[in-house]
């Protein structure tokens, strides 16, 4: 037969093991919660950045187009009798130059964006490194 003291020790060990597993599970859930919270914050930041870029882009295109059109009309009207073709070609080349510069600026801003979920991935890499050292 088993000794009652040994049975109590075995039951206590199982309870201690179960409590330890519960703490590990609670820690893992808390860790996952923190990482998901960070990921959701990054997604919100990226969405806000995208909306801001789109708004500024639309505003710049609208205002720039209106200004260029008005300048072109004013110059064409001023030189209508003497050099209308030269002025029209010059304005077209100026418009193409401004369009190229605008496209270059847009592309450089798109390329400069931070990597999607960069901070979350960095934290997960740190977690994996810490857990693999144990």
Protein backbone atom coordinates (compact mmCIF):
# COMPACT_ATOMS: atom_id res chain seq x y z
CA UNK A 1 0.00 0.00 0.00
CA UNK A 2 0.95 3.55 -0.43
CA UNK A 3 1.88 5.75 2.42
CA UNK A 4 -0.58 8.64 2.98
CA UNK A 5 2.33 11.10 3.20
CA UNK A 6 3.62 9.99 -0.22
CA UNK A 7 0.13 10.29 -1.74
CA UNK A 8 -0.18 13.79 -0.34
CA UNK A 9 3.29 14.71 -1.73
CA UNK A 10 2.33 13.38 -5.18
CA UNK A 11 -0.94 15.33 -5.09
CA UNK A 12 0.91 18.46 -4.00
CA UNK A 13 3.47 18.01 -6.79
CA UNK A 14 0.66 17.68 -9.35
CA UNK A 15 -1.02 20.79 -7.96
CA UNK A 16 2.30 22.66 -8.08
CA UNK A 17 2.92 21.51 -11.65
CA UNK A 18 -0.60 22.53 -12.66
CA UNK A 19 -0.17 25.96 -11.06
CA UNK A 20 3.17 26.37 -12.82
CA UNK A 21 1.60 25.47 -16.17
CA UNK A 22 -1.19 27.95 -15.51
CA UNK A 23 1.36 30.71 -14.86
CA UNK A 24 3.28 29.86 -18.05
CA UNK A 25 0.04 29.87 -20.04
CA UNK A 26 -1.01 33.18 -18.49
CA UNK A 27 2.39 34.66 -19.37
CA UNK A 28 2.10 33.44 -22.98
CA UNK A 29 -1.39 34.88 -23.29
CA UNK A 30 -0.21 38.21 -21.88
CA UNK A 31 2.73 38.19 -24.28
CA UNK A 32 0.46 37.49 -27.25
CA UNK A 33 -1.94 40.21 -26.10
CA UNK A 34 0.87 42.76 -25.91
CA UNK A 35 2.18 41.85 -29.37
CA UNK A 36 -1.29 42.00 -30.92
CA UNK A 37 -1.89 45.36 -29.28
CA UNK A 38 1.38 46.64 -30.76
CA UNK A 39 0.44 45.25 -34.17
CA UNK A 40 -2.96 46.93 -34.09
CA UNK A 41 -1.35 50.24 -33.15
CA UNK A 42 1.05 49.94 -36.06
CA UNK A 43 -1.78 49.12 -38.46
CA UNK A 44 -3.67 52.21 -37.29
CA UNK A 45 -0.56 54.37 -37.76
CA UNK A 46 -0.05 53.05 -41.28
CA UNK A 47 -3.71 53.69 -42.15
CA UNK A 48 -3.48 57.26 -40.84
CA UNK A 49 -0.26 57.80 -42.79
CA UNK A 50 -1.85 56.51 -45.98
CA UNK A 51 -4.90 58.76 -45.60
CA UNK A 52 -2.63 61.74 -44.93
CA UNK A 53 -0.51 60.99 -47.98
CA UNK A 54 -3.58 60.66 -50.17
CA UNK A 55 -5.08 63.92 -48.92
CA UNK A 56 -1.84 65.84 -49.44
CA UNK A 57 -1.38 64.26 -52.84
CA UNK A 58 -4.87 65.18 -54.03
CA UNK A 59 -4.50 68.72 -52.69
CA UNK A 60 -1.11 69.16 -54.35
CA UNK A 61 -2.37 67.87 -57.69
CA UNK A 62 -5.44 70.09 -57.60
CA UNK A 63 -3.69 73.30 -56.57
CA UNK A 64 -0.70 72.67 -58.80
CA UNK A 65 -2.87 71.93 -61.82
CA UNK A 66 -4.96 75.05 -61.29
CA UNK A 67 -1.84 77.22 -60.89
CA UNK A 68 -0.16 75.77 -63.95
CA UNK A 69 -3.28 76.19 -66.05
CA UNK A 70 -3.69 79.82 -65.02
CA UNK A 71 -0.01 80.58 -65.67
CA UNK A 72 -0.17 78.89 -69.05
CA UNK A 73 -3.27 80.84 -70.02
CA UNK A 74 -1.73 84.12 -68.90
CA UNK A 75 1.49 83.52 -70.81
CA UNK A 76 -0.30 82.32 -73.92
CA UNK A 77 -2.53 85.39 -73.85
CA UNK A 78 0.46 87.71 -73.35
CA UNK A 79 2.38 86.27 -76.31
CA UNK A 80 -0.58 85.42 -78.55
CA UNK A 81 0.39 87.81 -81.34
CA UNK A 82 4.16 87.24 -81.42
CA UNK A 83 5.40 83.85 -80.14
CA UNK A 84 2.36 81.74 -79.37
CA UNK A 85 3.91 78.42 -80.52
CA UNK A 86 7.17 78.98 -78.63
CA UNK A 87 5.31 79.87 -75.44
CA UNK A 88 2.97 76.87 -75.79
CA UNK A 89 5.89 74.46 -76.25
CA UNK A 90 7.79 76.05 -73.35
CA UNK A 91 4.78 75.73 -71.07
CA UNK A 92 4.28 72.12 -72.07
CA UNK A 93 7.93 71.34 -71.27
CA UNK A 94 7.66 73.17 -67.94
CA UNK A 95 4.53 71.17 -67.11
CA UNK A 96 6.28 67.91 -67.95
CA UNK A 97 9.24 68.89 -65.76
CA UNK A 98 6.99 69.69 -62.80
CA UNK A 99 5.07 66.43 -63.33
CA UNK A 100 8.33 64.44 -63.37
CA UNK A 101 9.52 66.14 -60.18
CA UNK A 102 6.19 65.44 -58.51
CA UNK A 103 6.27 61.77 -59.49
CA UNK A 104 9.85 61.49 -58.23
CA UNK A 105 8.86 63.04 -54.89
CA UNK A 106 5.88 60.71 -54.53
CA UNK A 107 7.94 57.61 -55.32
CA UNK A 108 10.67 58.61 -52.87
CA UNK A 109 8.09 59.05 -50.10
CA UNK A 110 6.51 55.70 -50.83
CA UNK A 111 9.91 54.00 -50.74
CA UNK A 112 10.84 55.75 -47.48
CA UNK A 113 7.91 54.29 -45.57
CA UNK A 114 8.75 52.09 -42.63
CA UNK A 115 8.38 48.34 -43.04
CA UNK A 116 4.86 47.19 -42.22
CA UNK A 117 4.61 45.94 -38.59
CA UNK A 118 8.34 46.57 -38.11
CA UNK A 119 8.18 47.13 -34.36
CA UNK A 120 5.96 44.09 -33.82
CA UNK A 121 8.29 41.84 -35.81
CA UNK A 122 11.29 43.19 -33.89
CA UNK A 123 9.62 42.45 -30.55
CA UNK A 124 8.70 38.93 -31.69
CA UNK A 125 12.31 38.34 -32.75
CA UNK A 126 13.49 39.48 -29.31
CA UNK A 127 10.97 37.14 -27.67
CA UNK A 128 12.13 34.21 -29.80
CA UNK A 129 15.77 34.95 -28.96
CA UNK A 130 15.07 35.17 -25.23
CA UNK A 131 13.07 31.94 -25.23
CA UNK A 132 15.69 30.05 -27.23
CA UNK A 133 18.41 30.99 -24.70
CA UNK A 134 16.55 29.22 -21.88
